[in-house]
Amino acid sequence: MLVSGCAWRLVPHDLAPWHTTYRWFRYWSAQRVWDDIHDALRDRVRQAEGRDPQPSAAVLDSQSASPRAAARRSDSTPARKRAAASDICW
């Protein structure tokens, strides 16, 4: 993970081959299996806490959700400076 992010070809060799893992991931994504798993786990956690399994409200932060806010963040993010040849220590 630290070297490559999440490259499918770097799945550990003691697990299923990467192409098999990727195929199942894509199939389950298309079938919305991940959404079903998420919903089932959320319901169980909420019940274990003594709460209603289905949330009755949601909180949405408008600053992080609006397209304008995203544009402002990218405008204010400084570009990475490339080190000059003279800055490199040999």
C-alpha atoms as a PDB file:
ATOM      1  CA  MET A   1       0.000   0.000   0.000  1.00  0.00           C
ATOM      2  CA  LEU A   2       2.717   2.485   0.897  1.00  0.00           C
ATOM      3  CA  VAL A   3       4.631   1.912  -2.319  1.00  0.00           C
ATOM      4  CA  SER A   4       1.904   1.710  -4.940  1.00  0.00           C
ATOM      5  CA  GLY A   5      -1.440   2.720  -3.430  1.00  0.00           C
ATOM      6  CA  CYS A   6      -3.688  -0.197  -4.260  1.00  0.00           C
ATOM      7  CA  ALA A   7      -2.415  -1.878  -7.411  1.00  0.00           C
ATOM      8  CA  TRP A   8      -4.293  -5.091  -8.177  1.00  0.00           C
ATOM      9  CA  ARG A   9      -1.155  -6.782  -9.476  1.00  0.00           C
ATOM     10  CA  LEU A  10       0.464  -6.340  -6.058  1.00  0.00           C
ATOM     11  CA  VAL A  11      -2.114  -8.387  -4.127  1.00  0.00           C
ATOM     12  CA  PRO A  12      -0.120 -10.623  -1.739  1.00  0.00           C
ATOM     13  CA  HIS A  13       0.720 -14.004  -3.245  1.00  0.00           C
ATOM     14  CA  ASP A  14      -0.870 -15.942  -0.383  1.00  0.00           C
ATOM     15  CA  LEU A  15      -4.290 -14.603  -1.508  1.00  0.00           C
ATOM     16  CA  ALA A  16      -6.165 -15.354  -4.713  1.00  0.00           C
ATOM     17  CA  PRO A  17      -4.502 -14.260  -7.973  1.00  0.00           C
ATOM     18  CA  TRP A  18      -4.961 -10.531  -8.612  1.00  0.00           C
ATOM     19  CA  HIS A  19      -7.080 -11.030 -11.755  1.00  0.00           C
ATOM     20  CA  THR A  20      -9.496 -13.285  -9.871  1.00  0.00           C
ATOM     21  CA  THR A  21      -9.734 -10.813  -7.006  1.00  0.00           C
ATOM     22  CA  TYR A  22     -10.287  -7.930  -9.409  1.00  0.00           C
ATOM     23  CA  ARG A  23     -12.956  -9.843 -11.363  1.00  0.00           C
ATOM     24  CA  TRP A  24     -14.904 -10.585  -8.183  1.00  0.00           C
ATOM     25  CA  PHE A  25     -14.511  -7.004  -6.961  1.00  0.00           C
ATOM     26  CA  ARG A  26     -15.904  -5.665 -10.255  1.00  0.00           C
ATOM     27  CA  TYR A  27     -18.769  -8.185 -10.258  1.00  0.00           C
ATOM     28  CA  TRP A  28     -19.722  -7.412  -6.654  1.00  0.00           C
ATOM     29  CA  SER A  29     -19.509  -3.686  -7.374  1.00  0.00           C
ATOM     30  CA  ALA A  30     -21.844  -4.028 -10.368  1.00  0.00           C
ATOM     31  CA  GLN A  31     -24.275  -6.124  -8.291  1.00  0.00           C
ATOM     32  CA  ARG A  32     -24.119  -3.544  -5.449  1.00  0.00           C
ATOM     33  CA  VAL A  33     -22.977  -6.238  -3.005  1.00  0.00           C
ATOM     34  CA  TRP A  34     -20.677  -3.739  -1.251  1.00  0.00           C
ATOM     35  CA  ASP A  35     -23.664  -1.457  -0.593  1.00  0.00           C
ATOM     36  CA  ASP A  36     -25.613  -4.373   0.871  1.00  0.00           C
ATOM     37  CA  ILE A  37     -22.682  -5.326   3.121  1.00  0.00           C
ATOM     38  CA  HIS A  38     -22.290  -1.722   4.279  1.00  0.00           C
ATOM     39  CA  ASP A  39     -26.002  -1.406   5.051  1.00  0.00           C
ATOM     40  CA  ALA A  40     -26.113  -4.710   6.957  1.00  0.00           C
ATOM     41  CA  LEU A  41     -23.049  -3.796   9.047  1.00  0.00           C
ATOM     42  CA  ARG A  42     -24.400  -0.312   9.770  1.00  0.00           C
ATOM     43  CA  ASP A  43     -27.714  -1.812  10.933  1.00  0.00           C
ATOM     44  CA  ARG A  44     -25.933  -4.274  13.236  1.00  0.00           C
ATOM     45  CA  VAL A  45     -23.720  -1.603  14.767  1.00  0.00           C
ATOM     46  CA  ARG A  46     -26.675   0.695  15.379  1.00  0.00           C
ATOM     47  CA  GLN A  47     -28.698  -2.145  16.965  1.00  0.00           C
ATOM     48  CA  ALA A  48     -25.754  -3.092  19.194  1.00  0.00           C
ATOM     49  CA  GLU A  49     -25.716   0.528  20.390  1.00  0.00           C
ATOM     50  CA  GLY A  50     -29.444   0.342  21.159  1.00  0.00           C
ATOM     51  CA  ARG A  51     -30.375   2.661  18.306  1.00  0.00           C
ATOM     52  CA  ASP A  52     -32.870   2.356  15.453  1.00  0.00           C
ATOM     53  CA  PRO A  53     -31.170   0.371  12.636  1.00  0.00           C
ATOM     54  CA  GLN A  54     -32.171   2.928  10.002  1.00  0.00           C
ATOM     55  CA  PRO A  55     -30.740   6.429  10.435  1.00  0.00           C
ATOM     56  CA  SER A  56     -33.398   9.141  10.586  1.00  0.00           C
ATOM     57  CA  ALA A  57     -31.101  12.043   9.696  1.00  0.00           C
ATOM     58  CA  ALA A  58     -27.792  12.805   8.034  1.00  0.00           C
ATOM     59  CA  VAL A  59     -25.240  15.559   8.457  1.00  0.00           C
ATOM     60  CA  LEU A  60     -23.709  17.052   5.351  1.00  0.00           C
ATOM     61  CA  ASP A  61     -20.963  19.637   5.444  1.00  0.00           C
ATOM     62  CA  SER A  62     -21.753  22.058   2.623  1.00  0.00           C
ATOM     63  CA  GLN A  63     -18.199  23.369   2.456  1.00  0.00           C
ATOM     64  CA  SER A  64     -16.779  19.981   1.558  1.00  0.00           C
ATOM     65  CA  ALA A  65     -19.723  18.927  -0.625  1.00  0.00           C
ATOM     66  CA  SER A  66     -20.163  21.915  -2.923  1.00  0.00           C
ATOM     67  CA  PRO A  67     -18.412  22.057  -6.305  1.00  0.00           C
ATOM     68  CA  ARG A  68     -17.425  25.675  -5.569  1.00  0.00           C
ATOM     69  CA  ALA A  69     -15.635  24.662  -2.383  1.00  0.00           C
ATOM     70  CA  ALA A  70     -13.742  21.962  -4.255  1.00  0.00           C
ATOM     71  CA  ALA A  71     -12.682  24.502  -6.891  1.00  0.00           C
ATOM     72  CA  ARG A  72     -11.496  26.937  -4.206  1.00  0.00           C
ATOM     73  CA  ARG A  73      -9.454  24.200  -2.539  1.00  0.00           C
ATOM     74  CA  SER A  74      -7.726  23.268  -5.785  1.00  0.00           C
ATOM     75  CA  ASP A  75      -7.064  26.951  -6.595  1.00  0.00           C
ATOM     76  CA  SER A  76      -5.493  27.564  -3.219  1.00  0.00           C
ATOM     77  CA  THR A  77      -3.373  24.411  -3.192  1.00  0.00           C
ATOM     78  CA  PRO A  78       0.171  25.442  -4.103  1.00  0.00           C
ATOM     79  CA  ALA A  79       1.814  23.595  -6.951  1.00  0.00           C
ATOM     80  CA  ARG A  80       4.773  21.404  -6.090  1.00  0.00           C
ATOM     81  CA  LYS A  81       8.043  23.111  -6.841  1.00  0.00           C
ATOM     82  CA  ARG A  82      10.530  21.079  -8.753  1.00  0.00           C
ATOM     83  CA  ALA A  83      13.969  21.130  -7.183  1.00  0.00           C
ATOM     84  CA  ALA A  84      16.557  22.928  -9.269  1.00  0.00           C
ATOM     85  CA  ALA A  85      19.643  20.979 -10.208  1.00  0.00           C
ATOM     86  CA  SER A  86      21.674  23.186  -7.873  1.00  0.00           C
ATOM     87  CA  ASP A  87      19.392  22.245  -4.929  1.00  0.00           C
ATOM     88  CA  ILE A  88      20.170  18.545  -5.204  1.00  0.00           C
ATOM     89  CA  CYS A  89      22.909  17.311  -2.886  1.00  0.00           C
ATOM     90  CA  TRP A  90      25.144  14.637  -4.339  1.00  0.00           C
END
